[in-house]
């Protein structure tokens, strides 16, 4: 019996010839990501709960301050200082103010074939480069940090075979929201979501990251795509080589198999307060908004900013709307600056901010108040995600978000 991509990566990490879904294996972890959302808790446990505290391999650790940048309160400043001081003391690879953790990982660290644990649920984004990325909690992170190892329950895999091409004005964001709407927010619970087929070849790296990043919103343990020419070209451009390039065997067993015709996808909106509460964007057209957000680890890359700037050129943000534009990393920020995109945004009345999680995280920059409505390229829209518990978040593509910022109500790009 053959193995899926997920099973092959786990087998490699476990030193096993073959693994099967449902088995539990001890594995060597290739990289360990943590950010300022919870790292201070890991440090507290490290200092107070261990008899002989040590780090198994400091080269495996990557720590990123990205959720509240710059610090929004003395409490946040204290937790970030704890993280900063610990990283300096132990020689941990450390980023602060340089962008969102997952974008930084994709730009600088992730390699095909790796098993990567991250103290953040959207670690599954790394599947865009053929790596098994998955989110873990503080206790599991601490164990992996001090031993270099962990355990994995081998997930079943749901395969999505992509055909065709996305139509003009339709984006990867619309595709993954369509899929989540189809299978439901629990449709891939503790499963791997694998994407393959001829349609995959038409998707850029930015598209692939956006798709894999949101798979956790369907409950997925991880998301995976083969490291094809597009992925390997991206890897070489960023100065890295793969650890291993896996594809699923022809006789691998899948829990479910879907065929998705990319040409059938339309602009989508996820309505409050659930990410699988989706509808064609035109059905939500006309709903007034107070704020728009273009950014996050899902849609803050240069391709997304280009889409937004192209729509905004020669137009102006609606006077009753706050439009936050937040590049996902300093690399993206600098490129957008060089291309003149940031000037277009600012001249149109948008608020351009430093690279960070911003209102997607909902605890500092741009939080919305009672009764307010946000349209966002962020990752989640559950109740209170972006501010007040009685606010409303719609999720959409960069194009729909930008068009809505111009009109002051939910609008698709072709309605401008």
Protein backbone atom coordinates (compact mmCIF):
# COMPACT_ATOMS: atom_id res chain seq x y z
CA UNK A 1 0.00 0.00 0.00
CA UNK A 2 1.34 3.43 -0.95
CA UNK A 3 1.66 6.52 1.21
CA UNK A 4 0.34 10.06 0.97
CA UNK A 5 2.61 13.11 1.16
CA UNK A 6 1.71 13.57 4.81
CA UNK A 7 2.54 9.96 5.62
CA UNK A 8 5.87 10.16 3.78
CA UNK A 9 7.02 13.25 5.68
CA UNK A 10 6.03 11.69 9.01
CA UNK A 11 7.75 8.42 8.08
CA UNK A 12 10.94 10.33 7.30
CA UNK A 13 10.73 12.22 10.59
CA UNK A 14 10.03 9.00 12.50
CA UNK A 15 12.79 7.01 10.80
CA UNK A 16 10.20 4.50 9.62
CA UNK A 17 9.84 2.76 6.27
CA UNK A 18 6.09 3.15 6.25
CA UNK A 19 3.41 4.77 8.41
CA UNK A 20 -0.37 4.62 8.18
CA UNK A 21 -3.17 6.97 9.13
CA UNK A 22 -4.24 6.44 12.72
CA UNK A 23 -0.82 5.41 14.00
CA UNK A 24 1.08 7.45 16.57
CA UNK A 25 4.78 8.03 15.95
CA UNK A 26 7.61 9.77 17.74
CA UNK A 27 9.23 12.22 15.33
CA UNK A 28 12.23 14.49 14.98
CA UNK A 29 11.05 18.04 14.35
CA UNK A 30 12.93 20.10 11.75
CA UNK A 31 11.88 23.59 12.85
CA UNK A 32 9.97 25.16 15.73
CA UNK A 33 8.22 28.52 15.25
CA UNK A 34 6.81 30.64 18.04
CA UNK A 35 5.47 34.19 18.21
CA UNK A 36 4.58 36.77 20.83
CA UNK A 37 1.07 35.38 21.22
CA UNK A 38 2.24 32.64 23.59
CA UNK A 39 6.05 32.49 23.80
CA UNK A 40 6.11 34.20 27.19
CA UNK A 41 4.07 31.26 28.55
CA UNK A 42 6.58 28.78 27.14
CA UNK A 43 9.43 30.72 28.78
CA UNK A 44 7.63 30.73 32.13
CA UNK A 45 7.23 26.93 31.97
CA UNK A 46 10.84 26.49 30.88
CA UNK A 47 12.10 28.52 33.85
CA UNK A 48 9.75 27.15 36.52
CA UNK A 49 8.66 23.62 35.58
CA UNK A 50 11.86 21.91 34.41
CA UNK A 51 14.46 20.38 36.71
CA UNK A 52 17.25 20.67 34.13
CA UNK A 53 16.15 23.24 31.54
CA UNK A 54 17.94 23.01 28.21
CA UNK A 55 17.32 23.53 24.50
CA UNK A 56 17.97 20.46 22.38
CA UNK A 57 18.98 22.32 19.21
CA UNK A 58 18.76 26.08 19.20
CA UNK A 59 19.19 26.11 15.40
CA UNK A 60 15.69 24.65 15.07
CA UNK A 61 14.02 27.59 16.83
CA UNK A 62 12.59 30.66 15.11
CA UNK A 63 10.86 33.29 17.25
CA UNK A 64 8.90 36.21 15.80
CA UNK A 65 7.31 39.24 17.44
CA UNK A 66 4.43 40.06 15.09
CA UNK A 67 1.06 40.07 16.85
CA UNK A 68 1.28 43.38 18.73
CA UNK A 69 3.90 45.49 16.96
CA UNK A 70 4.78 47.94 18.33
CA UNK A 71 3.69 47.00 21.85
CA UNK A 72 0.26 48.40 22.74
CA UNK A 73 0.49 48.28 26.55
CA UNK A 74 2.95 47.80 29.43
CA UNK A 75 1.72 44.20 29.75
CA UNK A 76 2.49 43.48 26.09
CA UNK A 77 5.85 45.25 26.37
CA UNK A 78 6.77 43.06 29.36
CA UNK A 79 5.91 39.80 27.59
CA UNK A 80 7.83 40.85 24.48
CA UNK A 81 10.83 41.87 26.58
CA UNK A 82 10.80 38.44 28.21
CA UNK A 83 10.83 36.85 24.76
CA UNK A 84 13.52 39.20 23.46
CA UNK A 85 15.83 38.68 26.45
CA UNK A 86 15.46 34.89 26.39
CA UNK A 87 16.18 34.75 22.66
CA UNK A 88 19.33 36.83 23.09
CA UNK A 89 20.52 34.75 26.05
CA UNK A 90 20.13 31.46 24.18
CA UNK A 91 21.03 32.54 20.64
CA UNK A 92 17.58 31.87 19.17
CA UNK A 93 16.85 33.16 15.65
CA UNK A 94 14.70 36.20 16.41
CA UNK A 95 12.66 38.63 14.34
CA UNK A 96 10.91 41.72 15.64
CA UNK A 97 8.95 44.17 13.53
CA UNK A 98 10.00 42.43 10.32
CA UNK A 99 6.65 40.94 9.47
CA UNK A 100 4.11 38.22 10.14
CA UNK A 101 5.66 34.96 11.32
CA UNK A 102 4.35 32.77 8.50
CA UNK A 103 5.49 35.14 5.78
CA UNK A 104 8.93 35.35 7.39
CA UNK A 105 9.10 31.57 7.61
CA UNK A 106 8.19 31.18 3.93
CA UNK A 107 10.70 33.81 2.86
CA UNK A 108 13.60 32.63 5.00
CA UNK A 109 13.22 29.15 6.47
CA UNK A 110 10.70 26.59 5.16
CA UNK A 111 12.00 23.74 2.97
CA UNK A 112 10.08 20.98 1.17
CA UNK A 113 9.92 17.71 3.10
CA UNK A 114 10.34 19.25 6.53
CA UNK A 115 8.17 18.64 9.60
CA UNK A 116 7.59 22.01 11.24
CA UNK A 117 5.70 22.71 14.44
CA UNK A 118 4.51 26.23 15.18
CA UNK A 119 2.82 27.75 18.18
CA UNK A 120 0.28 29.25 15.81
CA UNK A 121 -2.60 27.54 14.04
CA UNK A 122 -1.80 28.88 10.56
CA UNK A 123 1.52 27.02 10.42
CA UNK A 124 -0.21 24.83 7.83
CA UNK A 125 0.70 27.58 5.31
CA UNK A 126 4.07 25.85 4.84
CA UNK A 127 2.41 23.14 2.79
CA UNK A 128 2.68 25.53 -0.13
CA UNK A 129 6.36 24.48 -0.24
CA UNK A 130 5.67 20.81 0.38
CA UNK A 131 6.41 20.94 4.12
CA UNK A 132 4.23 19.44 6.85
CA UNK A 133 3.47 22.47 9.04
CA UNK A 134 1.09 22.20 11.96
CA UNK A 135 0.08 24.27 14.96
CA UNK A 136 0.72 23.17 18.55
CA UNK A 137 0.19 24.56 22.04
CA UNK A 138 2.74 25.83 24.54
CA UNK A 139 3.24 22.55 26.40
CA UNK A 140 3.92 20.59 23.22
CA UNK A 141 6.17 23.39 22.02
CA UNK A 142 8.19 23.27 25.24
CA UNK A 143 8.62 19.49 24.98
CA UNK A 144 9.83 19.73 21.39
CA UNK A 145 12.09 22.63 22.29
CA UNK A 146 13.90 20.75 25.06
CA UNK A 147 13.99 17.31 23.39
CA UNK A 148 13.97 18.08 19.66
CA UNK A 149 11.23 15.50 19.32
CA UNK A 150 7.48 15.16 19.60
CA UNK A 151 4.68 12.80 18.64
CA UNK A 152 2.22 12.81 15.76
CA UNK A 153 -1.01 10.96 15.16
CA UNK A 154 -0.76 10.27 11.43
CA UNK A 155 -3.70 12.07 9.78
CA UNK A 156 -5.92 10.79 7.02
CA UNK A 157 -5.69 12.86 3.83
CA UNK A 158 -8.41 14.54 1.81
CA UNK A 159 -7.31 15.15 -1.76
CA UNK A 160 -8.44 18.09 -3.87
CA UNK A 161 -7.69 17.62 -7.57
CA UNK A 162 -7.64 21.03 -9.26
CA UNK A 163 -8.49 21.47 -12.93
CA UNK A 164 -8.73 24.52 -15.18
CA UNK A 165 -7.71 28.07 -14.29
CA UNK A 166 -9.19 30.77 -12.09
CA UNK A 167 -11.15 33.35 -14.14
CA UNK A 168 -9.93 36.93 -14.43
CA UNK A 169 -10.78 38.81 -11.23
CA UNK A 170 -11.09 35.64 -9.14
CA UNK A 171 -8.38 34.74 -6.64
CA UNK A 172 -6.99 31.88 -4.57
CA UNK A 173 -8.74 33.42 -1.60
CA UNK A 174 -12.08 32.86 -3.34
CA UNK A 175 -11.07 29.27 -4.06
CA UNK A 176 -10.21 28.29 -0.48
CA UNK A 177 -13.29 30.03 0.93
CA UNK A 178 -15.38 28.10 -1.60
CA UNK A 179 -13.79 24.84 -0.48
CA UNK A 180 -14.30 25.61 3.22
CA UNK A 181 -17.91 26.50 2.50
CA UNK A 182 -18.34 23.20 0.69
CA UNK A 183 -16.82 20.86 3.27
CA UNK A 184 -17.57 22.95 6.36
CA UNK A 185 -15.49 24.37 9.20
CA UNK A 186 -15.17 20.83 10.62
CA UNK A 187 -14.89 19.11 7.27
CA UNK A 188 -11.19 18.27 7.57
CA UNK A 189 -10.82 17.85 11.33
CA UNK A 190 -7.36 16.40 12.06
CA UNK A 191 -6.88 15.54 8.41
CA UNK A 192 -4.33 16.66 5.85
CA UNK A 193 -5.70 18.60 2.90
CA UNK A 194 -3.65 17.80 -0.20
CA UNK A 195 -3.92 19.81 -3.41
CA UNK A 196 -2.85 18.40 -6.75
CA UNK A 197 -3.78 18.28 -10.43
CA UNK A 198 -3.12 20.33 -13.55
CA UNK A 199 -4.88 23.33 -12.04
CA UNK A 200 -2.22 23.59 -9.34
CA UNK A 201 0.35 24.50 -11.99
CA UNK A 202 -1.55 27.69 -12.80
CA UNK A 203 -1.30 28.95 -9.21
CA UNK A 204 1.49 31.25 -8.05
CA UNK A 205 3.36 30.77 -4.79
CA UNK A 206 1.29 33.56 -3.27
CA UNK A 207 -1.87 31.71 -4.34
CA UNK A 208 -0.60 28.49 -2.81
CA UNK A 209 0.31 30.10 0.49
CA UNK A 210 -3.16 31.68 0.71
CA UNK A 211 -4.81 28.30 0.12
CA UNK A 212 -2.72 26.27 2.56
CA UNK A 213 -2.83 29.00 5.19
CA UNK A 214 -6.63 28.85 5.52
CA UNK A 215 -6.95 25.05 5.60
CA UNK A 216 -6.91 25.11 9.38
CA UNK A 217 -10.24 26.96 9.14
CA UNK A 218 -11.69 23.65 7.88
CA UNK A 219 -10.10 21.92 10.89
CA UNK A 220 -7.12 20.53 8.98
CA UNK A 221 -4.04 19.25 10.78
CA UNK A 222 -1.95 20.39 7.83
CA UNK A 223 -2.12 21.25 4.14
CA UNK A 224 0.21 20.00 1.42
CA UNK A 225 1.15 20.65 -2.20
CA UNK A 226 3.92 18.96 -4.13
CA UNK A 227 7.14 20.94 -4.56
CA UNK A 228 6.88 21.40 -8.33
CA UNK A 229 8.86 23.74 -10.58
CA UNK A 230 7.03 26.81 -9.26
CA UNK A 231 7.85 25.93 -5.66
CA UNK A 232 11.45 24.97 -6.38
CA UNK A 233 12.02 28.19 -8.33
CA UNK A 234 10.73 30.18 -5.32
CA UNK A 235 13.01 28.17 -3.06
CA UNK A 236 16.09 28.84 -5.20
CA UNK A 237 15.26 32.55 -5.41
CA UNK A 238 15.34 32.58 -1.61
CA UNK A 239 18.64 30.71 -1.40
CA UNK A 240 17.49 27.32 -0.15
CA UNK A 241 17.40 23.72 -1.28
CA UNK A 242 14.72 21.15 -0.41
CA UNK A 243 15.15 18.55 2.29
CA UNK A 244 13.01 16.13 0.26
CA UNK A 245 10.34 16.38 -2.43
CA UNK A 246 7.42 14.03 -1.94
CA UNK A 247 4.29 13.20 -3.91
CA UNK A 248 1.54 10.79 -2.94
CA UNK A 249 1.76 7.31 -4.36
CA UNK A 250 -0.81 6.25 -6.94
CA UNK A 251 -2.12 3.58 -4.59
CA UNK A 252 -2.21 5.83 -1.51
CA UNK A 253 -5.46 5.79 0.46
CA UNK A 254 -7.47 9.01 0.78
CA UNK A 255 -10.31 9.70 3.19
CA UNK A 256 -12.10 11.67 0.48
CA UNK A 257 -11.42 12.90 -3.04
CA UNK A 258 -12.76 16.12 -4.55
CA UNK A 259 -12.38 17.54 -8.04
CA UNK A 260 -12.47 21.33 -8.19
CA UNK A 261 -12.83 23.15 -11.52
CA UNK A 262 -11.03 26.44 -10.96
CA UNK A 263 -12.93 28.05 -13.84
CA UNK A 264 -16.17 27.65 -11.86
CA UNK A 265 -14.99 29.73 -8.89
CA UNK A 266 -16.52 33.19 -8.34
CA UNK A 267 -15.70 36.02 -5.90
CA UNK A 268 -16.71 34.85 -2.42
CA UNK A 269 -17.52 36.48 0.91
CA UNK A 270 -17.54 34.67 4.26
CA UNK A 271 -20.26 36.26 6.37
CA UNK A 272 -20.22 36.73 10.17
CA UNK A 273 -19.54 34.86 12.35
CA UNK A 274 -18.26 31.67 10.70
CA UNK A 275 -15.65 31.15 8.00
CA UNK A 276 -17.80 28.50 6.29
CA UNK A 277 -20.79 30.87 6.14
CA UNK A 278 -19.96 31.76 2.55
CA UNK A 279 -21.86 33.17 -0.38
CA UNK A 280 -21.06 34.72 -3.77
CA UNK A 281 -19.80 38.24 -3.05
CA UNK A 282 -22.50 39.74 -5.24
CA UNK A 283 -25.13 38.38 -2.82
CA UNK A 284 -23.57 40.42 0.00
CA UNK A 285 -23.19 43.54 -2.15
CA UNK A 286 -24.48 46.74 -0.64
CA UNK A 287 -23.83 45.93 3.02
CA UNK A 288 -22.29 49.09 4.59
CA UNK A 289 -18.80 48.81 6.08
CA UNK A 290 -16.82 50.93 8.52
CA UNK A 291 -13.36 49.50 7.95
CA UNK A 292 -11.44 47.50 5.35
CA UNK A 293 -8.24 45.54 5.94
CA UNK A 294 -5.75 44.41 3.32
CA UNK A 295 -2.99 42.35 4.91
CA UNK A 296 -2.28 39.32 7.17
CA UNK A 297 -0.36 36.08 6.62
CA UNK A 298 -3.09 35.12 4.15
CA UNK A 299 -3.22 38.12 1.83
CA UNK A 300 -0.49 40.62 2.66
CA UNK A 301 1.98 39.72 -0.06
CA UNK A 302 3.12 41.89 -2.95
CA UNK A 303 0.63 40.25 -5.34
CA UNK A 304 -2.25 41.26 -3.06
CA UNK A 305 -0.98 44.83 -2.74
CA UNK A 306 -0.68 45.07 -6.52
CA UNK A 307 -4.32 44.01 -6.88
CA UNK A 308 -5.44 46.59 -4.35
CA UNK A 309 -3.32 49.42 -5.78
CA UNK A 310 -4.51 48.74 -9.33
CA UNK A 311 -8.12 49.11 -8.22
CA UNK A 312 -7.41 52.16 -6.09
CA UNK A 313 -5.40 54.10 -8.66
CA UNK A 314 -7.31 57.26 -9.55
CA UNK A 315 -9.93 56.57 -6.86
CA UNK A 316 -10.33 57.52 -3.22
CA UNK A 317 -11.25 55.62 -0.09
CA UNK A 318 -14.84 56.35 0.98
CA UNK A 319 -14.88 59.19 3.56
CA UNK A 320 -16.65 57.03 6.15
CA UNK A 321 -14.27 54.06 5.79
CA UNK A 322 -10.89 53.38 7.40
CA UNK A 323 -8.79 51.35 4.97
CA UNK A 324 -5.80 49.64 6.63
CA UNK A 325 -3.07 48.37 4.31
CA UNK A 326 -0.52 46.20 6.10
CA UNK A 327 2.28 44.46 4.14
CA UNK A 328 3.05 40.97 5.48
CA UNK A 329 6.80 41.57 5.79
CA UNK A 330 9.49 44.20 5.43
CA UNK A 331 10.46 42.56 2.15
CA UNK A 332 6.94 43.06 0.83
CA UNK A 333 6.86 46.60 2.24
CA UNK A 334 10.09 47.60 0.51
CA UNK A 335 8.99 46.11 -2.79
CA UNK A 336 5.65 47.87 -2.58
CA UNK A 337 7.50 51.10 -1.85
CA UNK A 338 9.81 50.63 -4.84
CA UNK A 339 6.86 49.89 -7.14
CA UNK A 340 5.00 53.00 -5.98
CA UNK A 341 2.12 51.00 -4.53
CA UNK A 342 2.29 52.58 -1.08
CA UNK A 343 2.08 56.03 -2.63
CA UNK A 344 -1.09 55.00 -4.47
CA UNK A 345 -2.62 53.75 -1.24
CA UNK A 346 -1.72 56.86 0.74
CA UNK A 347 -2.82 59.29 -1.95
CA UNK A 348 -6.16 57.48 -2.01
CA UNK A 349 -6.60 57.96 1.73
CA UNK A 350 -5.61 54.51 2.99
CA UNK A 351 -3.67 54.03 6.22
CA UNK A 352 -0.41 52.19 5.45
CA UNK A 353 0.99 50.43 8.51
CA UNK A 354 4.15 48.59 9.53
CA UNK A 355 4.31 44.84 8.81
CA UNK A 356 2.44 42.94 11.53
CA UNK A 357 -0.72 40.92 12.18
CA UNK A 358 -2.76 44.09 12.74
CA UNK A 359 -6.55 43.82 12.94
CA UNK A 360 -6.54 40.17 11.83
CA UNK A 361 -5.33 39.48 15.38
CA UNK A 362 -7.83 41.99 16.72
CA UNK A 363 -6.02 43.11 19.84
CA UNK A 364 -4.24 46.31 18.83
CA UNK A 365 -4.17 48.14 15.50
CA UNK A 366 -7.48 49.02 13.92
CA UNK A 367 -9.85 47.15 16.21
CA UNK A 368 -13.49 47.88 15.46
CA UNK A 369 -16.12 49.06 17.88
CA UNK A 370 -19.63 48.01 18.84
CA UNK A 371 -21.89 47.55 15.85
CA UNK A 372 -19.11 48.25 13.34
CA UNK A 373 -18.45 46.16 10.24
CA UNK A 374 -15.07 45.16 8.84
CA UNK A 375 -14.33 43.56 5.50
CA UNK A 376 -11.01 41.80 5.73
CA UNK A 377 -8.40 39.63 4.05
CA UNK A 378 -7.60 38.30 7.52
CA UNK A 379 -7.91 34.68 8.52
CA UNK A 380 -10.96 34.56 10.79
CA UNK A 381 -14.34 36.20 11.34
CA UNK A 382 -15.71 34.68 14.52
CA UNK A 383 -17.52 36.88 17.02
CA UNK A 384 -15.19 39.45 18.56
CA UNK A 385 -12.21 38.46 16.40
CA UNK A 386 -11.46 42.02 15.29
CA UNK A 387 -12.58 43.98 18.31
CA UNK A 388 -15.92 44.42 20.08
CA UNK A 389 -17.96 41.28 20.65
CA UNK A 390 -20.89 42.94 18.90
CA UNK A 391 -19.02 43.80 15.71
CA UNK A 392 -19.12 42.05 12.35
CA UNK A 393 -16.34 40.67 10.13
CA UNK A 394 -16.70 39.66 6.47
CA UNK A 395 -13.82 37.82 4.80
CA UNK A 396 -13.02 38.41 1.13
CA UNK A 397 -10.23 38.75 -1.43
CA UNK A 398 -7.91 41.74 -1.80
CA UNK A 399 -9.96 42.88 -4.79
CA UNK A 400 -13.31 42.77 -3.00
CA UNK A 401 -11.88 44.40 0.12
CA UNK A 402 -10.36 47.26 -1.89
CA UNK A 403 -13.48 47.81 -3.99
CA UNK A 404 -15.55 47.91 -0.81
CA UNK A 405 -13.20 50.48 0.73
CA UNK A 406 -13.91 52.75 -2.24
CA UNK A 407 -17.71 52.50 -2.19
CA UNK A 408 -18.28 52.19 1.55
CA UNK A 409 -20.27 48.98 1.12
CA UNK A 410 -19.45 45.45 0.07
CA UNK A 411 -18.58 45.63 -3.61
CA UNK A 412 -16.83 43.35 -6.09
CA UNK A 413 -14.12 44.73 -8.33
CA UNK A 414 -16.28 44.49 -11.44
CA UNK A 415 -18.90 46.68 -9.77
CA UNK A 416 -16.56 49.67 -9.51
